[in-house]
Amino acid sequence: MMGFFAKLKEGLTKTRQNFVDKVEEVFTGRKKIDEELYEELEEVLIRSDVGVNTSFELVERLRKEVRQRKLSDPKELTEVLQELIAELLGEESSLTFAEKGPSVILVVGVNGVGKTTTIGKLANWLKKDGKRVMMAAGDTFRAAAIDQLEVWGERSGVEVIKQREGADPAAVAYDAVQAAKSRNVDVVIVDTAGRLHNKVNLMEELRKVKRVMEREIPGAPHEVLLVLDATTGQNALQQAKLFQEVAGVTGIVLTKLDGTAKGGVVLGIQGETRIPVKWIGIGEGMEDLRPFVPKDFAAALFGQVDEEERF
């Protein structure tokens, strides 16, 4: 059975071809490090969904390293760039839990990004980690979302708090936190609607849900996780900026990294928003959602993860 690191490396194959291979083409066959090299690198990074500002930042950092290390051979730049990318991605950022009583994780994101599936997988992971988990079907505008969450609840043995389609999401959140307190639940994961056609309505709805939960459990929600679909590239970056503004996002879950050529968007998200990517999804399976380890991602991106060294 393929381990997670090997799967991550395999899942990033298209991103590697779209990003790293093209970066290495810029460095290969040149005799010197010059302005033309930096301009070509900038262009490759932008086209690889890294984002304009982050591409500029990486190239500027590379210039600085070249000067400080007195480098002259373009072949040396791949390793330096990998170091800079790992640095940009930052340290591993784990989930925040309440010191006592139930912890509340509010999950936001547009429809179609794999939000409900992510909640199911996250609940399964936390349960296997020994926590008592509950899910709340707060996306009451789609009957399918409620049904889907119930299916995940059955698969992982996690209780789902729900109301009828069209009910007030804040009422579902209230029921969930009350149930969590009375049943000594450790973590409540709350789904939310993913409608973006009216930003003001979305903001008000999320504020109301957060207000209700905070009133019942001081400090809640302890995490606001934004689910983004890596295959959408720059759209994912725009969604991150919007939800950062309306929802106070504390962490990102990046799904569908396997098979996409747009995995470079991870760098753009970190560079532009500074919101930590906390979890990543690289497949359909229950175990294919895992905590994000930046140094492993950078190594896998450059094709350097060695399965035997990991285990």
Protein backbone atom coordinates (compact mmCIF):
# COMPACT_ATOMS: atom_id res chain seq x y z
CA MET A 1 0.00 0.00 0.00
CA MET A 2 1.37 3.42 -0.98
CA GLY A 3 2.27 5.68 1.96
CA PHE A 4 1.02 9.25 2.21
CA PHE A 5 4.35 10.84 1.28
CA ALA A 6 4.71 8.71 -1.84
CA LYS A 7 1.12 9.54 -2.72
CA LEU A 8 1.79 13.25 -2.22
CA LYS A 9 4.81 13.06 -4.51
CA GLU A 10 2.80 11.20 -7.14
CA GLY A 11 -0.16 13.57 -6.76
CA LEU A 12 2.09 16.56 -7.40
CA THR A 13 3.42 15.12 -10.69
CA LYS A 14 1.45 17.52 -12.92
CA THR A 15 2.30 20.49 -10.74
CA ARG A 16 5.95 19.43 -10.88
CA GLN A 17 5.79 19.30 -14.68
CA ASN A 18 4.03 22.66 -14.86
CA PHE A 19 6.20 24.35 -12.27
CA VAL A 20 9.51 22.76 -11.23
CA ASP A 21 10.42 21.32 -14.63
CA LYS A 22 9.86 24.72 -16.26
CA VAL A 23 11.86 26.46 -13.54
CA GLU A 24 14.73 24.06 -14.14
CA GLU A 25 14.53 24.76 -17.87
CA VAL A 26 15.20 28.42 -17.05
CA PHE A 27 18.30 27.44 -15.06
CA THR A 28 19.62 24.79 -17.46
CA GLY A 29 21.88 25.57 -20.38
CA ARG A 30 22.82 29.04 -19.14
CA LYS A 31 26.37 30.04 -18.36
CA LYS A 32 25.60 32.93 -16.04
CA ILE A 33 22.98 34.35 -13.68
CA ASP A 34 21.70 37.52 -15.34
CA GLU A 35 18.66 39.78 -15.55
CA GLU A 36 17.18 37.72 -18.39
CA LEU A 37 17.21 34.63 -16.15
CA TYR A 38 15.35 36.47 -13.36
CA GLU A 39 12.73 37.79 -15.81
CA GLU A 40 12.12 34.33 -17.30
CA LEU A 41 11.85 32.80 -13.82
CA GLU A 42 9.31 35.45 -12.80
CA GLU A 43 7.22 34.64 -15.87
CA VAL A 44 7.32 30.88 -15.18
CA LEU A 45 6.26 31.40 -11.56
CA ILE A 46 3.33 33.64 -12.52
CA ARG A 47 2.16 31.12 -15.14
CA SER A 48 2.39 28.35 -12.53
CA ASP A 49 -0.35 29.93 -10.37
CA VAL A 50 2.10 31.20 -7.77
CA GLY A 51 0.57 34.68 -8.16
CA VAL A 52 2.15 37.96 -9.26
CA ASN A 53 3.13 39.36 -5.85
CA THR A 54 4.49 36.06 -4.52
CA SER A 55 6.45 35.50 -7.76
CA PHE A 56 8.05 38.94 -7.39
CA GLU A 57 8.83 38.21 -3.74
CA LEU A 58 10.47 34.85 -4.51
CA VAL A 59 12.61 36.30 -7.30
CA GLU A 60 13.73 39.19 -5.06
CA ARG A 61 14.65 36.75 -2.31
CA LEU A 62 16.57 34.67 -4.85
CA ARG A 63 18.52 37.75 -6.01
CA LYS A 64 19.45 38.47 -2.40
CA GLU A 65 20.64 34.89 -1.79
CA VAL A 66 22.69 34.93 -4.99
CA ARG A 67 24.45 38.11 -3.83
CA GLN A 68 24.99 36.92 -0.27
CA ARG A 69 26.27 33.47 -1.28
CA LYS A 70 28.23 34.89 -4.26
CA LEU A 71 26.68 32.33 -6.62
CA SER A 72 27.49 32.39 -10.32
CA ASP A 73 26.35 29.00 -11.66
CA PRO A 74 22.63 28.82 -12.61
CA LYS A 75 22.64 25.09 -11.75
CA GLU A 76 22.92 26.03 -8.06
CA LEU A 77 19.64 27.97 -8.12
CA THR A 78 17.19 25.03 -8.01
CA GLU A 79 18.30 24.07 -4.52
CA VAL A 80 18.22 27.69 -3.34
CA LEU A 81 14.71 28.19 -4.75
CA GLN A 82 13.49 25.04 -2.97
CA GLU A 83 14.85 26.45 0.30
CA LEU A 84 13.04 29.75 -0.31
CA ILE A 85 9.78 27.95 -1.11
CA ALA A 86 10.01 25.88 2.09
CA GLU A 87 10.71 29.11 3.99
CA LEU A 88 7.70 30.84 2.38
CA LEU A 89 5.42 27.96 3.34
CA GLY A 90 6.43 28.44 6.98
CA GLU A 91 6.24 26.01 9.87
CA GLU A 92 3.61 23.32 10.30
CA SER A 93 0.47 24.85 11.82
CA SER A 94 -1.75 22.52 13.81
CA LEU A 95 -5.41 22.95 14.74
CA THR A 96 -6.30 25.06 17.79
CA PHE A 97 -8.46 23.40 20.44
CA ALA A 98 -10.19 24.77 23.53
CA GLU A 99 -8.40 24.27 26.84
CA LYS A 100 -11.57 22.77 28.30
CA GLY A 101 -15.03 21.97 27.01
CA PRO A 102 -15.98 21.45 23.38
CA SER A 103 -13.79 22.91 20.62
CA VAL A 104 -15.68 24.36 17.67
CA ILE A 105 -14.38 24.23 14.09
CA LEU A 106 -16.38 26.33 11.62
CA VAL A 107 -15.83 25.23 8.00
CA VAL A 108 -16.43 27.71 5.17
CA GLY A 109 -15.97 27.71 1.39
CA VAL A 110 -17.88 27.91 -1.88
CA ASN A 111 -19.99 25.04 -3.17
CA GLY A 112 -18.11 22.42 -5.14
CA VAL A 113 -14.74 22.60 -3.41
CA GLY A 114 -15.26 19.41 -1.40
CA LYS A 115 -16.28 21.15 1.83
CA THR A 116 -18.74 18.54 3.15
CA THR A 117 -16.42 15.67 2.19
CA THR A 118 -13.56 17.45 3.97
CA ILE A 119 -15.65 17.75 7.13
CA GLY A 120 -16.39 14.02 7.02
CA LYS A 121 -12.73 13.11 6.57
CA LEU A 122 -11.61 15.56 9.27
CA ALA A 123 -14.18 14.12 11.70
CA ASN A 124 -12.91 10.62 10.93
CA TRP A 125 -9.28 11.69 11.53
CA LEU A 126 -10.08 13.39 14.85
CA LYS A 127 -12.11 10.41 16.02
CA LYS A 128 -9.21 8.06 15.24
CA ASP A 129 -7.05 10.46 17.24
CA GLY A 130 -9.20 9.62 20.26
CA LYS A 131 -11.53 12.61 20.28
CA ARG A 132 -15.31 12.53 20.68
CA VAL A 133 -16.54 14.30 17.55
CA MET A 134 -19.85 15.72 16.36
CA MET A 135 -20.81 17.29 13.01
CA ALA A 136 -23.42 19.99 12.41
CA ALA A 137 -25.22 20.31 9.05
CA GLY A 138 -25.21 24.12 8.91
CA ASP A 139 -25.48 24.27 5.10
CA THR A 140 -29.28 24.19 5.26
CA PHE A 141 -29.74 25.65 1.77
CA ARG A 142 -28.81 22.39 0.06
CA ALA A 143 -30.62 19.20 1.02
CA ALA A 144 -27.75 17.32 -0.65
CA ALA A 145 -25.26 18.81 1.81
CA ILE A 146 -27.31 17.58 4.79
CA ASP A 147 -27.69 14.11 3.24
CA GLN A 148 -24.01 13.94 2.34
CA LEU A 149 -22.93 14.83 5.87
CA GLU A 150 -25.20 12.11 7.24
CA VAL A 151 -23.55 9.56 4.96
CA TRP A 152 -20.13 10.60 6.27
CA GLY A 153 -21.49 10.40 9.82
CA GLU A 154 -22.57 6.80 9.22
CA ARG A 155 -19.24 5.88 7.62
CA SER A 156 -17.17 7.27 10.48
CA GLY A 157 -19.57 6.65 13.36
CA VAL A 158 -19.94 10.36 14.15
CA GLU A 159 -23.25 11.94 15.20
CA VAL A 160 -24.71 14.62 12.90
CA ILE A 161 -26.90 17.44 14.27
CA LYS A 162 -29.32 18.69 11.60
CA GLN A 163 -32.60 20.45 10.94
CA ARG A 164 -34.83 20.58 7.86
CA GLU A 165 -33.69 22.13 4.59
CA GLY A 166 -34.07 25.93 4.70
CA ALA A 167 -33.72 26.15 8.50
CA ASP A 168 -31.70 28.94 10.11
CA PRO A 169 -28.01 27.86 10.15
CA ALA A 170 -27.52 29.65 13.47
CA ALA A 171 -30.26 27.45 14.97
CA VAL A 172 -28.39 24.33 13.83
CA ALA A 173 -25.18 25.72 15.34
CA TYR A 174 -27.01 26.40 18.61
CA ASP A 175 -28.41 22.85 18.75
CA ALA A 176 -24.95 21.44 18.00
CA VAL A 177 -23.08 23.33 20.74
CA GLN A 178 -25.82 22.52 23.27
CA ALA A 179 -25.64 18.83 22.36
CA ALA A 180 -21.83 18.92 22.48
CA LYS A 181 -21.85 20.38 26.00
CA SER A 182 -24.40 17.91 27.33
CA ARG A 183 -22.71 14.86 25.75
CA ASN A 184 -19.11 15.76 26.62
CA VAL A 185 -18.08 16.03 22.99
CA ASP A 186 -14.50 17.19 22.35
CA VAL A 187 -14.88 18.72 18.88
CA VAL A 188 -17.87 20.07 16.95
CA ILE A 189 -17.34 20.62 13.20
CA VAL A 190 -19.91 22.97 11.71
CA ASP A 191 -20.68 23.06 7.97
CA THR A 192 -21.84 26.37 6.41
CA ALA A 193 -23.50 27.45 3.17
CA GLY A 194 -21.21 28.17 0.24
CA ARG A 195 -23.23 30.82 -1.59
CA LEU A 196 -21.17 33.72 -2.86
CA HIS A 197 -23.67 35.67 -4.96
CA ASN A 198 -24.24 38.11 -2.13
CA LYS A 199 -21.19 38.83 0.02
CA VAL A 200 -23.18 40.90 2.53
CA ASN A 201 -25.66 38.07 3.19
CA LEU A 202 -22.82 35.58 3.57
CA MET A 203 -21.03 37.87 6.02
CA GLU A 204 -24.17 38.42 8.10
CA GLU A 205 -24.99 34.71 8.17
CA LEU A 206 -21.48 33.76 9.31
CA ARG A 207 -21.46 36.52 11.93
CA LYS A 208 -24.77 35.27 13.33
CA VAL A 209 -23.54 31.66 13.48
CA LYS A 210 -20.30 32.76 15.19
CA ARG A 211 -22.21 34.99 17.63
CA VAL A 212 -24.53 32.15 18.70
CA MET A 213 -21.64 29.74 19.23
CA GLU A 214 -19.51 32.27 21.12
CA ARG A 215 -22.39 33.02 23.46
CA GLU A 216 -22.72 29.33 24.33
CA ILE A 217 -19.01 28.45 24.33
CA PRO A 218 -16.61 31.34 25.11
CA GLY A 219 -13.84 31.52 22.50
CA ALA A 220 -15.82 29.63 19.85
CA PRO A 221 -15.22 29.08 17.02
CA HIS A 222 -11.68 28.04 17.87
CA GLU A 223 -10.90 27.51 14.18
CA VAL A 224 -12.43 28.90 10.99
CA LEU A 225 -11.19 26.60 8.24
CA LEU A 226 -11.56 27.63 4.60
CA VAL A 227 -11.76 24.78 2.08
CA LEU A 228 -10.24 25.58 -1.32
CA ASP A 229 -10.05 23.49 -4.50
CA ALA A 230 -6.45 23.47 -5.79
CA THR A 231 -7.60 22.76 -9.37
CA THR A 232 -9.11 26.26 -9.60
CA GLY A 233 -5.69 27.95 -9.34
CA GLN A 234 -5.98 31.72 -9.08
CA ASN A 235 -9.72 31.47 -8.27
CA ALA A 236 -8.72 29.70 -5.04
CA LEU A 237 -6.46 32.64 -4.19
CA GLN A 238 -9.31 35.12 -4.79
CA GLN A 239 -11.64 33.03 -2.60
CA ALA A 240 -9.01 33.04 0.16
CA LYS A 241 -8.88 36.83 0.09
CA LEU A 242 -12.68 37.15 0.14
CA PHE A 243 -13.24 34.72 3.01
CA GLN A 244 -10.33 36.23 4.93
CA GLU A 245 -12.30 39.48 4.79
CA VAL A 246 -15.76 38.10 5.65
CA ALA A 247 -15.08 35.12 7.92
CA GLY A 248 -11.84 35.67 9.87
CA VAL A 249 -10.23 32.53 8.48
CA THR A 250 -7.61 30.91 10.75
CA GLY A 251 -6.52 28.07 8.46
CA ILE A 252 -6.90 26.63 4.97
CA VAL A 253 -7.69 23.12 3.79
CA LEU A 254 -6.51 22.67 0.20
CA THR A 255 -8.32 19.81 -1.57
CA LYS A 256 -7.82 18.01 -4.90
CA LEU A 257 -4.06 18.49 -5.01
CA ASP A 258 -3.70 15.14 -6.73
CA GLY A 259 -3.76 15.33 -10.50
CA THR A 260 -3.79 19.13 -10.79
CA ALA A 261 -1.12 21.22 -12.50
CA LYS A 262 -2.07 24.19 -10.32
CA GLY A 263 -0.54 23.11 -7.00
CA GLY A 264 1.69 26.19 -7.15
CA VAL A 265 -1.31 28.10 -5.81
CA VAL A 266 -0.26 26.92 -2.32
CA LEU A 267 2.63 29.39 -2.56
CA GLY A 268 0.37 32.19 -3.78
CA ILE A 269 -2.07 31.63 -0.90
CA GLN A 270 0.71 31.69 1.70
CA GLY A 271 2.46 34.64 0.09
CA GLU A 272 -0.64 36.80 -0.43
CA THR A 273 -2.78 36.03 2.62
CA ARG A 274 -0.37 34.63 5.23
CA ILE A 275 -3.19 32.28 6.29
CA PRO A 276 -1.56 28.94 7.13
CA VAL A 277 -2.49 25.90 5.07
CA LYS A 278 -3.28 23.40 7.83
CA TRP A 279 -4.60 20.37 5.92
CA ILE A 280 -4.35 19.03 2.38
CA GLY A 281 -6.36 16.49 0.39
CA ILE A 282 -4.70 14.28 -2.22
CA GLY A 283 -7.38 11.74 -3.07
CA GLU A 284 -10.89 10.42 -2.61
CA GLY A 285 -10.16 7.99 0.23
CA MET A 286 -11.05 8.51 3.89
CA GLU A 287 -7.33 8.69 4.79
CA ASP A 288 -6.39 11.09 1.98
CA LEU A 289 -6.85 14.24 4.06
CA ARG A 290 -3.82 14.94 6.24
CA PRO A 291 -2.16 17.75 8.19
CA PHE A 292 -0.01 19.93 5.91
CA VAL A 293 3.73 19.58 6.52
CA PRO A 294 5.42 22.42 4.56
CA LYS A 295 8.91 20.91 4.34
CA ASP A 296 7.48 17.63 3.02
CA PHE A 297 5.35 19.48 0.48
CA ALA A 298 8.40 21.41 -0.79
CA ALA A 299 10.42 18.19 -1.00
CA ALA A 300 7.60 16.34 -2.80
CA LEU A 301 7.12 19.26 -5.18
CA PHE A 302 10.77 18.97 -6.20
CA GLY A 303 10.47 15.17 -6.38
CA GLN A 304 12.69 14.51 -3.37
CA VAL A 305 10.47 12.62 -0.93
CA ASP A 306 12.01 9.20 -0.25
CA GLU A 307 9.46 6.77 1.19
CA GLU A 308 12.09 4.55 2.81
CA GLU A 309 13.60 7.50 4.66
CA ARG A 310 10.18 8.37 6.13
CA PHE A 311 9.31 5.03 7.70
